[in-house]
Amino acid sequence: MAPNGIVKNVIIRQRAFDPDIITISPGTTVVWTNEDTMSHRVAHLPELPSERELFYSEALFTGDTFRYTFRTAGRYSYGDPQIAGGRKSVVIVE
């Protein structure tokens, strides 16, 4: 469970994350669930050279989940590196 007890869910379907942008408070755990028919990964996509990658899931098959607890305020872009086109979703922690 998340340190503050809050969990937000993101569904992966049709090669997209739903919702695409979420706003949460520090200590919230985001749980991604793959409801697509193909496998996906969830990876933090740092936007600045000074940022380090915070999370990178294994392949998530249909029904699999991945969770990450965000502890620090900021804007975190993420996506599935297997999907071309640079589509990014965002977690905003404030």
N, C-alpha and C. Protein backbone atom coordinates (compact mmCIF):
# COMPACT_ATOMS: atom_id res chain seq x y z
N MET A 1 0.85 -1.18 0.00
CA MET A 1 0.00 0.00 0.00
C MET A 1 0.89 1.24 0.00
N ALA A 2 0.40 2.31 -0.56
CA ALA A 2 1.14 3.57 -0.62
C ALA A 2 1.33 4.13 0.79
N PRO A 3 2.45 4.85 1.03
CA PRO A 3 2.68 5.43 2.36
C PRO A 3 1.53 6.30 2.85
N ASN A 4 0.90 7.07 1.95
CA ASN A 4 -0.23 7.91 2.39
C ASN A 4 -1.56 7.20 2.16
N GLY A 5 -1.51 5.93 1.72
CA GLY A 5 -2.71 5.14 1.53
C GLY A 5 -3.46 5.40 0.23
N ILE A 6 -2.95 6.32 -0.58
CA ILE A 6 -3.66 6.67 -1.81
C ILE A 6 -3.08 5.89 -2.99
N VAL A 7 -3.97 5.32 -3.78
CA VAL A 7 -3.59 4.58 -4.98
C VAL A 7 -4.40 5.16 -6.14
N LYS A 8 -3.73 5.44 -7.25
CA LYS A 8 -4.40 5.89 -8.48
C LYS A 8 -4.15 4.83 -9.54
N ASN A 9 -5.18 4.53 -10.31
CA ASN A 9 -5.09 3.50 -11.34
C ASN A 9 -5.03 4.11 -12.72
N VAL A 10 -4.17 3.52 -13.55
CA VAL A 10 -4.07 3.88 -14.96
C VAL A 10 -4.25 2.58 -15.75
N ILE A 11 -5.11 2.62 -16.74
CA ILE A 11 -5.38 1.44 -17.58
C ILE A 11 -4.65 1.60 -18.90
N ILE A 12 -4.03 0.52 -19.35
CA ILE A 12 -3.39 0.50 -20.66
C ILE A 12 -4.33 -0.24 -21.59
N ARG A 13 -4.80 0.47 -22.63
CA ARG A 13 -5.68 -0.16 -23.62
C ARG A 13 -5.52 0.56 -24.95
N GLN A 14 -5.64 -0.19 -26.00
CA GLN A 14 -5.52 0.34 -27.36
C GLN A 14 -4.26 1.18 -27.53
N ARG A 15 -3.14 0.65 -26.99
CA ARG A 15 -1.82 1.27 -27.09
C ARG A 15 -1.76 2.67 -26.50
N ALA A 16 -2.58 2.92 -25.45
CA ALA A 16 -2.61 4.23 -24.80
C ALA A 16 -2.82 4.05 -23.30
N PHE A 17 -2.48 5.09 -22.54
CA PHE A 17 -2.67 5.11 -21.10
C PHE A 17 -3.91 5.94 -20.78
N ASP A 18 -4.77 5.43 -19.90
CA ASP A 18 -6.02 6.11 -19.57
C ASP A 18 -6.18 6.17 -18.05
N PRO A 19 -6.13 7.37 -17.44
CA PRO A 19 -6.02 8.67 -18.09
C PRO A 19 -4.59 8.95 -18.55
N ASP A 20 -4.49 9.87 -19.49
CA ASP A 20 -3.22 10.24 -20.10
C ASP A 20 -2.38 11.13 -19.17
N ILE A 21 -3.05 11.96 -18.38
CA ILE A 21 -2.40 12.85 -17.42
C ILE A 21 -3.11 12.70 -16.08
N ILE A 22 -2.33 12.48 -15.02
CA ILE A 22 -2.93 12.44 -13.69
C ILE A 22 -2.15 13.37 -12.77
N THR A 23 -2.86 13.93 -11.81
CA THR A 23 -2.25 14.78 -10.79
C THR A 23 -2.48 14.10 -9.44
N ILE A 24 -1.38 13.92 -8.71
CA ILE A 24 -1.42 13.21 -7.44
C ILE A 24 -0.62 13.98 -6.38
N SER A 25 -0.71 13.55 -5.14
CA SER A 25 0.09 14.13 -4.07
C SER A 25 1.28 13.21 -3.79
N PRO A 26 2.37 13.75 -3.20
CA PRO A 26 3.52 12.91 -2.86
C PRO A 26 3.10 11.74 -1.98
N GLY A 27 3.70 10.59 -2.22
CA GLY A 27 3.38 9.38 -1.48
C GLY A 27 2.31 8.53 -2.11
N THR A 28 1.74 8.98 -3.21
CA THR A 28 0.69 8.23 -3.91
C THR A 28 1.34 7.15 -4.78
N THR A 29 0.73 5.98 -4.78
CA THR A 29 1.17 4.90 -5.65
C THR A 29 0.29 4.87 -6.89
N VAL A 30 0.93 4.82 -8.05
CA VAL A 30 0.20 4.67 -9.31
C VAL A 30 0.32 3.21 -9.72
N VAL A 31 -0.82 2.61 -10.05
CA VAL A 31 -0.86 1.22 -10.50
C VAL A 31 -1.33 1.21 -11.95
N TRP A 32 -0.47 0.71 -12.84
CA TRP A 32 -0.82 0.56 -14.25
C TRP A 32 -1.28 -0.87 -14.47
N THR A 33 -2.41 -1.06 -15.13
CA THR A 33 -2.94 -2.38 -15.45
C THR A 33 -3.07 -2.50 -16.96
N ASN A 34 -2.49 -3.55 -17.50
CA ASN A 34 -2.57 -3.76 -18.95
C ASN A 34 -3.86 -4.49 -19.29
N GLU A 35 -4.76 -3.79 -19.96
CA GLU A 35 -5.99 -4.40 -20.47
C GLU A 35 -5.96 -4.52 -21.99
N ASP A 36 -4.79 -4.32 -22.57
CA ASP A 36 -4.63 -4.43 -24.02
C ASP A 36 -4.36 -5.89 -24.38
N THR A 37 -4.48 -6.21 -25.65
CA THR A 37 -4.25 -7.58 -26.11
C THR A 37 -2.77 -7.84 -26.39
N MET A 38 -1.93 -6.79 -26.36
CA MET A 38 -0.49 -6.96 -26.56
C MET A 38 0.25 -6.55 -25.30
N SER A 39 1.49 -7.00 -25.16
CA SER A 39 2.27 -6.64 -23.97
C SER A 39 2.75 -5.19 -24.08
N HIS A 40 2.95 -4.59 -22.93
CA HIS A 40 3.45 -3.21 -22.85
C HIS A 40 4.43 -3.10 -21.70
N ARG A 41 5.21 -2.04 -21.73
CA ARG A 41 6.09 -1.67 -20.62
C ARG A 41 5.69 -0.29 -20.16
N VAL A 42 6.04 0.05 -18.94
CA VAL A 42 5.82 1.39 -18.41
C VAL A 42 7.19 1.91 -18.00
N ALA A 43 7.63 3.01 -18.61
CA ALA A 43 8.97 3.53 -18.34
C ALA A 43 8.94 5.03 -18.16
N HIS A 44 9.63 5.50 -17.12
CA HIS A 44 9.83 6.93 -16.94
C HIS A 44 10.71 7.41 -18.10
N LEU A 45 10.34 8.53 -18.71
CA LEU A 45 11.09 9.08 -19.84
C LEU A 45 11.62 10.45 -19.44
N PRO A 46 12.81 10.49 -18.81
CA PRO A 46 13.36 11.77 -18.36
C PRO A 46 13.46 12.77 -19.51
N GLU A 47 13.13 14.02 -19.20
CA GLU A 47 13.14 15.06 -20.22
C GLU A 47 14.41 15.90 -20.20
N LEU A 48 15.14 15.86 -19.10
CA LEU A 48 16.37 16.62 -18.98
C LEU A 48 17.55 15.68 -18.80
N PRO A 49 18.72 16.04 -19.34
CA PRO A 49 19.90 15.17 -19.18
C PRO A 49 20.27 14.93 -17.71
N SER A 50 19.91 15.87 -16.84
CA SER A 50 20.25 15.73 -15.42
C SER A 50 19.31 14.78 -14.67
N GLU A 51 18.19 14.39 -15.28
CA GLU A 51 17.25 13.48 -14.64
C GLU A 51 17.68 12.03 -14.84
N ARG A 52 17.39 11.22 -13.84
CA ARG A 52 17.65 9.78 -13.98
C ARG A 52 16.33 9.04 -14.13
N GLU A 53 16.40 7.91 -14.78
CA GLU A 53 15.19 7.09 -14.96
C GLU A 53 14.78 6.52 -13.60
N LEU A 54 13.51 6.72 -13.23
CA LEU A 54 13.03 6.28 -11.92
C LEU A 54 12.38 4.91 -11.94
N PHE A 55 11.73 4.56 -13.05
CA PHE A 55 11.06 3.27 -13.10
C PHE A 55 11.01 2.75 -14.52
N TYR A 56 11.01 1.42 -14.63
CA TYR A 56 10.95 0.73 -15.91
C TYR A 56 10.42 -0.66 -15.63
N SER A 57 9.23 -0.95 -16.12
CA SER A 57 8.62 -2.24 -15.82
C SER A 57 9.14 -3.34 -16.75
N GLU A 58 8.94 -4.55 -16.31
CA GLU A 58 9.10 -5.69 -17.20
C GLU A 58 7.94 -5.67 -18.18
N ALA A 59 7.93 -6.58 -19.13
CA ALA A 59 6.79 -6.68 -20.05
C ALA A 59 5.53 -7.02 -19.25
N LEU A 60 4.48 -6.24 -19.49
CA LEU A 60 3.19 -6.48 -18.84
C LEU A 60 2.26 -7.12 -19.87
N PHE A 61 1.86 -8.33 -19.59
CA PHE A 61 0.92 -9.02 -20.47
C PHE A 61 -0.50 -8.70 -19.99
N THR A 62 -1.49 -9.07 -20.76
CA THR A 62 -2.88 -8.77 -20.42
C THR A 62 -3.17 -9.18 -18.98
N GLY A 63 -3.67 -8.23 -18.18
CA GLY A 63 -4.00 -8.48 -16.79
C GLY A 63 -2.88 -8.18 -15.81
N ASP A 64 -1.65 -8.02 -16.28
CA ASP A 64 -0.52 -7.72 -15.40
C ASP A 64 -0.57 -6.27 -14.92
N THR A 65 0.04 -6.04 -13.75
CA THR A 65 0.11 -4.69 -13.20
C THR A 65 1.55 -4.32 -12.86
N PHE A 66 1.78 -3.01 -12.79
CA PHE A 66 3.06 -2.45 -12.34
C PHE A 66 2.72 -1.27 -11.45
N ARG A 67 3.46 -1.10 -10.37
CA ARG A 67 3.18 0.01 -9.45
C ARG A 67 4.46 0.77 -9.13
N TYR A 68 4.28 2.07 -8.90
CA TYR A 68 5.40 2.92 -8.49
C TYR A 68 4.84 4.00 -7.56
N THR A 69 5.55 4.25 -6.45
CA THR A 69 5.14 5.28 -5.50
C THR A 69 5.96 6.54 -5.77
N PHE A 70 5.27 7.63 -6.04
CA PHE A 70 5.90 8.92 -6.32
C PHE A 70 6.05 9.67 -4.99
N ARG A 71 7.27 10.01 -4.62
CA ARG A 71 7.54 10.62 -3.32
C ARG A 71 7.89 12.11 -3.42
N THR A 72 8.31 12.57 -4.59
CA THR A 72 8.80 13.93 -4.75
C THR A 72 7.95 14.69 -5.75
N ALA A 73 7.63 15.95 -5.42
CA ALA A 73 6.86 16.79 -6.33
C ALA A 73 7.62 16.97 -7.65
N GLY A 74 6.87 17.05 -8.73
CA GLY A 74 7.48 17.24 -10.04
C GLY A 74 6.56 16.75 -11.14
N ARG A 75 7.07 16.81 -12.35
CA ARG A 75 6.34 16.37 -13.55
C ARG A 75 7.12 15.19 -14.12
N TYR A 76 6.46 14.05 -14.26
CA TYR A 76 7.12 12.82 -14.69
C TYR A 76 6.47 12.30 -15.97
N SER A 77 7.20 12.42 -17.07
CA SER A 77 6.72 11.86 -18.34
C SER A 77 7.04 10.37 -18.35
N TYR A 78 6.13 9.60 -18.94
CA TYR A 78 6.37 8.17 -19.06
C TYR A 78 5.69 7.67 -20.32
N GLY A 79 6.02 6.46 -20.70
CA GLY A 79 5.39 5.86 -21.87
C GLY A 79 5.84 4.42 -22.01
N ASP A 80 5.51 3.86 -23.14
CA ASP A 80 5.93 2.50 -23.48
C ASP A 80 6.99 2.62 -24.56
N PRO A 81 8.25 2.33 -24.25
CA PRO A 81 9.31 2.49 -25.25
C PRO A 81 9.17 1.58 -26.46
N GLN A 82 8.28 0.58 -26.39
CA GLN A 82 8.05 -0.33 -27.52
C GLN A 82 7.17 0.32 -28.58
N ILE A 83 6.45 1.40 -28.20
CA ILE A 83 5.54 2.04 -29.14
C ILE A 83 6.25 3.25 -29.75
N ALA A 84 6.41 3.23 -31.05
CA ALA A 84 7.07 4.33 -31.74
C ALA A 84 6.15 5.55 -31.78
N GLY A 85 6.73 6.69 -32.07
CA GLY A 85 5.93 7.89 -32.22
C GLY A 85 6.09 8.85 -31.05
N GLY A 86 6.78 8.44 -30.00
CA GLY A 86 7.07 9.34 -28.90
C GLY A 86 5.88 9.73 -28.04
N ARG A 87 4.82 8.96 -28.06
CA ARG A 87 3.65 9.27 -27.22
C ARG A 87 4.07 9.21 -25.76
N LYS A 88 3.80 10.31 -25.03
CA LYS A 88 4.13 10.37 -23.62
C LYS A 88 2.89 10.70 -22.81
N SER A 89 2.80 10.08 -21.67
CA SER A 89 1.78 10.42 -20.69
C SER A 89 2.51 11.08 -19.52
N VAL A 90 1.74 11.67 -18.60
CA VAL A 90 2.37 12.46 -17.54
C VAL A 90 1.72 12.19 -16.18
N VAL A 91 2.58 12.10 -15.17
CA VAL A 91 2.15 12.12 -13.77
C VAL A 91 2.66 13.43 -13.19
N ILE A 92 1.76 14.22 -12.64
CA ILE A 92 2.12 15.47 -12.00
C ILE A 92 1.95 15.27 -10.50
N VAL A 93 3.04 15.49 -9.76
CA VAL A 93 3.00 15.31 -8.30
C VAL A 93 3.10 16.70 -7.66
N GLU A 94 2.05 17.07 -6.93
CA GLU A 94 2.07 18.40 -6.28
C GLU A 94 1.43 18.35 -4.91
